[in-house]
Amino acid sequence: MAKVPFTKLGLVKNTEVRDFEYNNNTIEVKQYLPIDEKVGVIARAVDAAASADTLDYIDSNKVDVFLKLEIVYAYTNLSFTEKQKSEATKTYDLLEGSGFFKELWGYMEQEEIDALFDGAKRALEDKVAYDRSLYAIAQVLTNDYNGLAFDAESIKSDISNPDNLNILRDVLTKLG
């Protein structure tokens, strides 16, 4: 079988932009985003949802909220103030409640939308799996007890110290 050089394919990245009118404004919508940018959109959405939660889990609904906002930021020509970005749920409610998202989805390739939502779902699953991993637990313990020496001689000599016993109980509790 004869090899065909990749450069001979004449591939050109999709830079198409579609326009639609919304409340007397022309909204430009990219039809394709390079993979590095898609990964960034997904990562920012998952990270924002994780930062917004004070609980020990990430609400997948919040991931959807932040993902939709990140899609608007990355795929359209809309600009937002820092306050609008910092008040993400209010901004989301305005975009959702006004029907803007529904209109936007009509001007995007379904394959792009599906890739982003599927990617966010996988990223969330990966983050949850990582956060529950032994490595992540070890990182938390390392960060929590960074100044504590865990070599055998040090533990042996300090075992009689009640503070060290409390720390040891805390570590064992965290490990389950």
C-alpha atoms as a PDB file:
ATOM      1  CA  MET A   1       0.000   0.000   0.000  1.00  0.00           C
ATOM      2  CA  ALA A   2       1.387   3.377  -1.025  1.00  0.00           C
ATOM      3  CA  LYS A   3       1.687   6.003   1.713  1.00  0.00           C
ATOM      4  CA  VAL A   4       0.029   9.364   1.129  1.00  0.00           C
ATOM      5  CA  PRO A   5       1.771  12.288   2.810  1.00  0.00           C
ATOM      6  CA  PHE A   6      -0.451  14.087   5.282  1.00  0.00           C
ATOM      7  CA  THR A   7       0.480  17.446   3.714  1.00  0.00           C
ATOM      8  CA  LYS A   8      -0.916  16.281   0.357  1.00  0.00           C
ATOM      9  CA  LEU A   9      -4.424  16.085   1.799  1.00  0.00           C
ATOM     10  CA  GLY A  10      -4.797  19.873   1.612  1.00  0.00           C
ATOM     11  CA  LEU A  11      -6.720  20.021   4.866  1.00  0.00           C
ATOM     12  CA  VAL A  12      -8.093  23.377   6.002  1.00  0.00           C
ATOM     13  CA  LYS A  13      -9.458  24.071   9.482  1.00  0.00           C
ATOM     14  CA  ASN A  14     -13.114  25.055   9.652  1.00  0.00           C
ATOM     15  CA  THR A  15     -13.181  28.793  10.429  1.00  0.00           C
ATOM     16  CA  GLU A  16     -16.799  29.288   9.406  1.00  0.00           C
ATOM     17  CA  VAL A  17     -18.855  31.769  11.419  1.00  0.00           C
ATOM     18  CA  ARG A  18     -22.645  31.923  11.231  1.00  0.00           C
ATOM     19  CA  ASP A  19     -24.627  35.021  12.195  1.00  0.00           C
ATOM     20  CA  PHE A  20     -28.055  35.481  13.693  1.00  0.00           C
ATOM     21  CA  GLU A  21     -29.998  38.506  14.839  1.00  0.00           C
ATOM     22  CA  TYR A  22     -30.977  38.734  18.483  1.00  0.00           C
ATOM     23  CA  ASN A  23     -32.729  41.857  19.815  1.00  0.00           C
ATOM     24  CA  ASN A  24     -31.308  43.961  16.965  1.00  0.00           C
ATOM     25  CA  ASN A  25     -27.755  42.673  17.515  1.00  0.00           C
ATOM     26  CA  THR A  26     -25.739  40.481  15.178  1.00  0.00           C
ATOM     27  CA  ILE A  27     -24.445  37.490  17.097  1.00  0.00           C
ATOM     28  CA  GLU A  28     -21.521  35.696  15.468  1.00  0.00           C
ATOM     29  CA  VAL A  29     -21.171  31.974  16.202  1.00  0.00           C
ATOM     30  CA  LYS A  30     -18.034  29.974  15.463  1.00  0.00           C
ATOM     31  CA  GLN A  31     -18.825  26.609  13.928  1.00  0.00           C
ATOM     32  CA  TYR A  32     -15.694  24.906  15.160  1.00  0.00           C
ATOM     33  CA  LEU A  33     -13.308  25.418  18.043  1.00  0.00           C
ATOM     34  CA  PRO A  34      -9.821  23.849  18.043  1.00  0.00           C
ATOM     35  CA  ILE A  35      -9.458  20.928  20.464  1.00  0.00           C
ATOM     36  CA  ASP A  36      -7.139  22.820  22.835  1.00  0.00           C
ATOM     37  CA  GLU A  37      -9.776  25.524  23.196  1.00  0.00           C
ATOM     38  CA  LYS A  38     -12.566  22.933  23.677  1.00  0.00           C
ATOM     39  CA  VAL A  39     -10.531  21.273  26.418  1.00  0.00           C
ATOM     40  CA  GLY A  40     -10.121  24.696  28.060  1.00  0.00           C
ATOM     41  CA  VAL A  41     -13.874  25.372  27.873  1.00  0.00           C
ATOM     42  CA  ILE A  42     -14.593  22.033  29.540  1.00  0.00           C
ATOM     43  CA  ALA A  43     -11.882  22.413  32.184  1.00  0.00           C
ATOM     44  CA  ARG A  44     -13.029  25.914  33.134  1.00  0.00           C
ATOM     45  CA  ALA A  45     -16.640  24.711  33.460  1.00  0.00           C
ATOM     46  CA  VAL A  46     -15.730  21.762  35.697  1.00  0.00           C
ATOM     47  CA  ASP A  47     -13.321  23.877  37.769  1.00  0.00           C
ATOM     48  CA  ALA A  48     -15.908  26.640  38.204  1.00  0.00           C
ATOM     49  CA  ALA A  49     -18.519  24.111  39.341  1.00  0.00           C
ATOM     50  CA  ALA A  50     -16.021  22.577  41.776  1.00  0.00           C
ATOM     51  CA  SER A  51     -15.157  26.017  43.160  1.00  0.00           C
ATOM     52  CA  ALA A  52     -18.831  26.939  43.502  1.00  0.00           C
ATOM     53  CA  ASP A  53     -19.617  23.874  45.591  1.00  0.00           C
ATOM     54  CA  THR A  54     -18.839  23.899  49.280  1.00  0.00           C
ATOM     55  CA  LEU A  55     -19.900  20.285  49.568  1.00  0.00           C
ATOM     56  CA  ASP A  56     -17.709  17.252  48.997  1.00  0.00           C
ATOM     57  CA  TYR A  57     -19.136  16.621  45.539  1.00  0.00           C
ATOM     58  CA  ILE A  58     -19.615  18.569  42.331  1.00  0.00           C
ATOM     59  CA  ASP A  59     -23.197  19.109  41.208  1.00  0.00           C
ATOM     60  CA  SER A  60     -23.472  18.080  37.545  1.00  0.00           C
ATOM     61  CA  ASN A  61     -26.183  20.717  37.063  1.00  0.00           C
ATOM     62  CA  LYS A  62     -23.650  23.389  37.966  1.00  0.00           C
ATOM     63  CA  VAL A  63     -21.251  21.919  35.420  1.00  0.00           C
ATOM     64  CA  ASP A  64     -23.983  22.361  32.789  1.00  0.00           C
ATOM     65  CA  VAL A  65     -24.549  25.969  33.869  1.00  0.00           C
ATOM     66  CA  PHE A  66     -20.859  26.861  33.668  1.00  0.00           C
ATOM     67  CA  LEU A  67     -20.399  24.893  30.448  1.00  0.00           C
ATOM     68  CA  LYS A  68     -23.199  26.781  28.713  1.00  0.00           C
ATOM     69  CA  LEU A  69     -21.654  30.074  29.815  1.00  0.00           C
ATOM     70  CA  GLU A  70     -18.192  28.993  28.641  1.00  0.00           C
ATOM     71  CA  ILE A  71     -19.684  28.041  25.275  1.00  0.00           C
ATOM     72  CA  VAL A  72     -21.148  31.525  24.932  1.00  0.00           C
ATOM     73  CA  TYR A  73     -17.792  33.085  25.900  1.00  0.00           C
ATOM     74  CA  ALA A  74     -15.801  30.932  23.461  1.00  0.00           C
ATOM     75  CA  TYR A  75     -18.124  30.568  20.470  1.00  0.00           C
ATOM     76  CA  THR A  76     -19.809  33.965  20.239  1.00  0.00           C
ATOM     77  CA  ASN A  77     -18.827  37.591  19.900  1.00  0.00           C
ATOM     78  CA  LEU A  78     -20.707  38.585  23.070  1.00  0.00           C
ATOM     79  CA  SER A  79     -18.680  40.418  25.677  1.00  0.00           C
ATOM     80  CA  PHE A  80     -19.296  40.334  29.400  1.00  0.00           C
ATOM     81  CA  THR A  81     -18.179  42.501  32.285  1.00  0.00           C
ATOM     82  CA  GLU A  82     -16.205  40.953  35.132  1.00  0.00           C
ATOM     83  CA  LYS A  83     -19.259  41.436  37.352  1.00  0.00           C
ATOM     84  CA  GLN A  84     -21.476  39.533  34.899  1.00  0.00           C
ATOM     85  CA  LYS A  85     -18.919  36.723  34.829  1.00  0.00           C
ATOM     86  CA  SER A  86     -18.564  36.674  38.611  1.00  0.00           C
ATOM     87  CA  GLU A  87     -22.345  36.508  39.010  1.00  0.00           C
ATOM     88  CA  ALA A  88     -22.510  33.473  36.749  1.00  0.00           C
ATOM     89  CA  THR A  89     -25.861  32.121  37.895  1.00  0.00           C
ATOM     90  CA  LYS A  90     -27.588  35.473  37.356  1.00  0.00           C
ATOM     91  CA  THR A  91     -26.035  35.772  33.896  1.00  0.00           C
ATOM     92  CA  TYR A  92     -27.018  32.177  33.137  1.00  0.00           C
ATOM     93  CA  ASP A  93     -30.618  32.784  34.257  1.00  0.00           C
ATOM     94  CA  LEU A  94     -30.896  35.787  31.930  1.00  0.00           C
ATOM     95  CA  LEU A  95     -29.526  33.833  28.962  1.00  0.00           C
ATOM     96  CA  GLU A  96     -31.652  30.746  29.696  1.00  0.00           C
ATOM     97  CA  GLY A  97     -34.831  32.586  30.672  1.00  0.00           C
ATOM     98  CA  SER A  98     -34.753  34.812  27.596  1.00  0.00           C
ATOM     99  CA  GLY A  99     -34.417  31.864  25.211  1.00  0.00           C
ATOM    100  CA  PHE A 100     -30.930  32.919  24.109  1.00  0.00           C
ATOM    101  CA  PHE A 101     -29.387  29.472  24.601  1.00  0.00           C
ATOM    102  CA  LYS A 102     -32.130  27.825  22.553  1.00  0.00           C
ATOM    103  CA  GLU A 103     -31.515  30.314  19.744  1.00  0.00           C
ATOM    104  CA  LEU A 104     -27.748  29.836  19.947  1.00  0.00           C
ATOM    105  CA  TRP A 105     -27.974  26.022  19.782  1.00  0.00           C
ATOM    106  CA  GLY A 106     -29.856  26.439  16.488  1.00  0.00           C
ATOM    107  CA  TYR A 107     -26.764  28.109  14.978  1.00  0.00           C
ATOM    108  CA  MET A 108     -24.183  25.648  16.266  1.00  0.00           C
ATOM    109  CA  GLU A 109     -23.261  22.274  14.867  1.00  0.00           C
ATOM    110  CA  GLN A 110     -24.916  19.552  16.955  1.00  0.00           C
ATOM    111  CA  GLU A 111     -21.661  17.593  16.825  1.00  0.00           C
ATOM    112  CA  GLU A 112     -19.833  20.475  18.547  1.00  0.00           C
ATOM    113  CA  ILE A 113     -22.469  20.769  21.267  1.00  0.00           C
ATOM    114  CA  ASP A 114     -22.482  17.008  21.863  1.00  0.00           C
ATOM    115  CA  ALA A 115     -18.673  16.877  22.013  1.00  0.00           C
ATOM    116  CA  LEU A 116     -18.608  19.607  24.667  1.00  0.00           C
ATOM    117  CA  PHE A 117     -21.321  18.107  26.862  1.00  0.00           C
ATOM    118  CA  ASP A 118     -19.918  14.583  26.516  1.00  0.00           C
ATOM    119  CA  GLY A 119     -16.434  15.908  27.287  1.00  0.00           C
ATOM    120  CA  ALA A 120     -17.706  17.737  30.372  1.00  0.00           C
ATOM    121  CA  LYS A 121     -19.454  14.602  31.591  1.00  0.00           C
ATOM    122  CA  ARG A 122     -16.260  12.549  31.180  1.00  0.00           C
ATOM    123  CA  ALA A 123     -14.138  15.278  32.802  1.00  0.00           C
ATOM    124  CA  LEU A 124     -16.484  15.381  35.795  1.00  0.00           C
ATOM    125  CA  GLU A 125     -16.356  11.575  36.120  1.00  0.00           C
ATOM    126  CA  ASP A 126     -12.554  11.676  35.884  1.00  0.00           C
ATOM    127  CA  LYS A 127     -12.334  14.418  38.515  1.00  0.00           C
ATOM    128  CA  VAL A 128     -14.585  12.524  40.909  1.00  0.00           C
ATOM    129  CA  ALA A 129     -12.570   9.319  40.363  1.00  0.00           C
ATOM    130  CA  TYR A 130      -9.317  11.205  40.939  1.00  0.00           C
ATOM    131  CA  ASP A 131     -10.610  12.948  44.062  1.00  0.00           C
ATOM    132  CA  ARG A 132     -11.496   9.539  45.505  1.00  0.00           C
ATOM    133  CA  SER A 133      -8.169   7.966  44.562  1.00  0.00           C
ATOM    134  CA  LEU A 134      -5.491   7.009  47.057  1.00  0.00           C
ATOM    135  CA  TYR A 135      -3.116   9.461  45.369  1.00  0.00           C
ATOM    136  CA  ALA A 136      -5.499  12.385  45.957  1.00  0.00           C
ATOM    137  CA  ILE A 137      -6.041  11.343  49.578  1.00  0.00           C
ATOM    138  CA  ALA A 138      -2.273  11.177  50.051  1.00  0.00           C
ATOM    139  CA  GLN A 139      -1.948  14.674  48.549  1.00  0.00           C
ATOM    140  CA  VAL A 140      -4.542  16.031  50.993  1.00  0.00           C
ATOM    141  CA  LEU A 141      -2.755  14.402  53.903  1.00  0.00           C
ATOM    142  CA  THR A 142       0.595  15.716  52.679  1.00  0.00           C
ATOM    143  CA  ASN A 143      -0.809  19.228  52.416  1.00  0.00           C
ATOM    144  CA  ASP A 144      -2.602  18.982  55.784  1.00  0.00           C
ATOM    145  CA  TYR A 145       0.473  17.692  57.607  1.00  0.00           C
ATOM    146  CA  ASN A 146       3.282  19.175  55.540  1.00  0.00           C
ATOM    147  CA  GLY A 147       5.409  20.154  58.540  1.00  0.00           C
ATOM    148  CA  LEU A 148       5.131  16.767  60.208  1.00  0.00           C
ATOM    149  CA  ALA A 149       8.031  14.327  59.866  1.00  0.00           C
ATOM    150  CA  PHE A 150       6.897  10.761  59.248  1.00  0.00           C
ATOM    151  CA  ASP A 151      10.198   8.915  59.552  1.00  0.00           C
ATOM    152  CA  ALA A 152      10.131   5.947  61.942  1.00  0.00           C
ATOM    153  CA  GLU A 153      12.626   7.323  64.507  1.00  0.00           C
ATOM    154  CA  SER A 154      10.797  10.630  64.755  1.00  0.00           C
ATOM    155  CA  ILE A 155       7.437   8.925  65.259  1.00  0.00           C
ATOM    156  CA  LYS A 156       8.905   6.540  67.801  1.00  0.00           C
ATOM    157  CA  SER A 157      10.447   9.350  69.841  1.00  0.00           C
ATOM    158  CA  ASP A 158       7.388  11.575  69.611  1.00  0.00           C
ATOM    159  CA  ILE A 159       4.690   8.915  70.082  1.00  0.00           C
ATOM    160  CA  SER A 160       4.229   9.857  73.700  1.00  0.00           C
ATOM    161  CA  ASN A 161       3.243  13.401  72.690  1.00  0.00           C
ATOM    162  CA  PRO A 162      -0.608  13.665  72.892  1.00  0.00           C
ATOM    163  CA  ASP A 163      -0.721  16.137  69.964  1.00  0.00           C
ATOM    164  CA  ASN A 164       0.966  13.589  67.706  1.00  0.00           C
ATOM    165  CA  LEU A 165      -1.483  10.895  68.753  1.00  0.00           C
ATOM    166  CA  ASN A 166      -4.367  13.221  67.826  1.00  0.00           C
ATOM    167  CA  ILE A 167      -2.793  13.821  64.420  1.00  0.00           C
ATOM    168  CA  LEU A 168      -2.338  10.077  63.918  1.00  0.00           C
ATOM    169  CA  ARG A 169      -6.003   9.477  64.813  1.00  0.00           C
ATOM    170  CA  ASP A 170      -6.999  12.204  62.333  1.00  0.00           C
ATOM    171  CA  VAL A 171      -4.899  10.627  59.561  1.00  0.00           C
ATOM    172  CA  LEU A 172      -6.320   7.159  60.214  1.00  0.00           C
ATOM    173  CA  THR A 173      -9.857   8.563  60.246  1.00  0.00           C
ATOM    174  CA  LYS A 174      -9.296  10.229  56.865  1.00  0.00           C
ATOM    175  CA  LEU A 175      -7.950   7.000  55.424  1.00  0.00           C
ATOM    176  CA  GLY A 176     -11.052   5.180  56.599  1.00  0.00           C
END
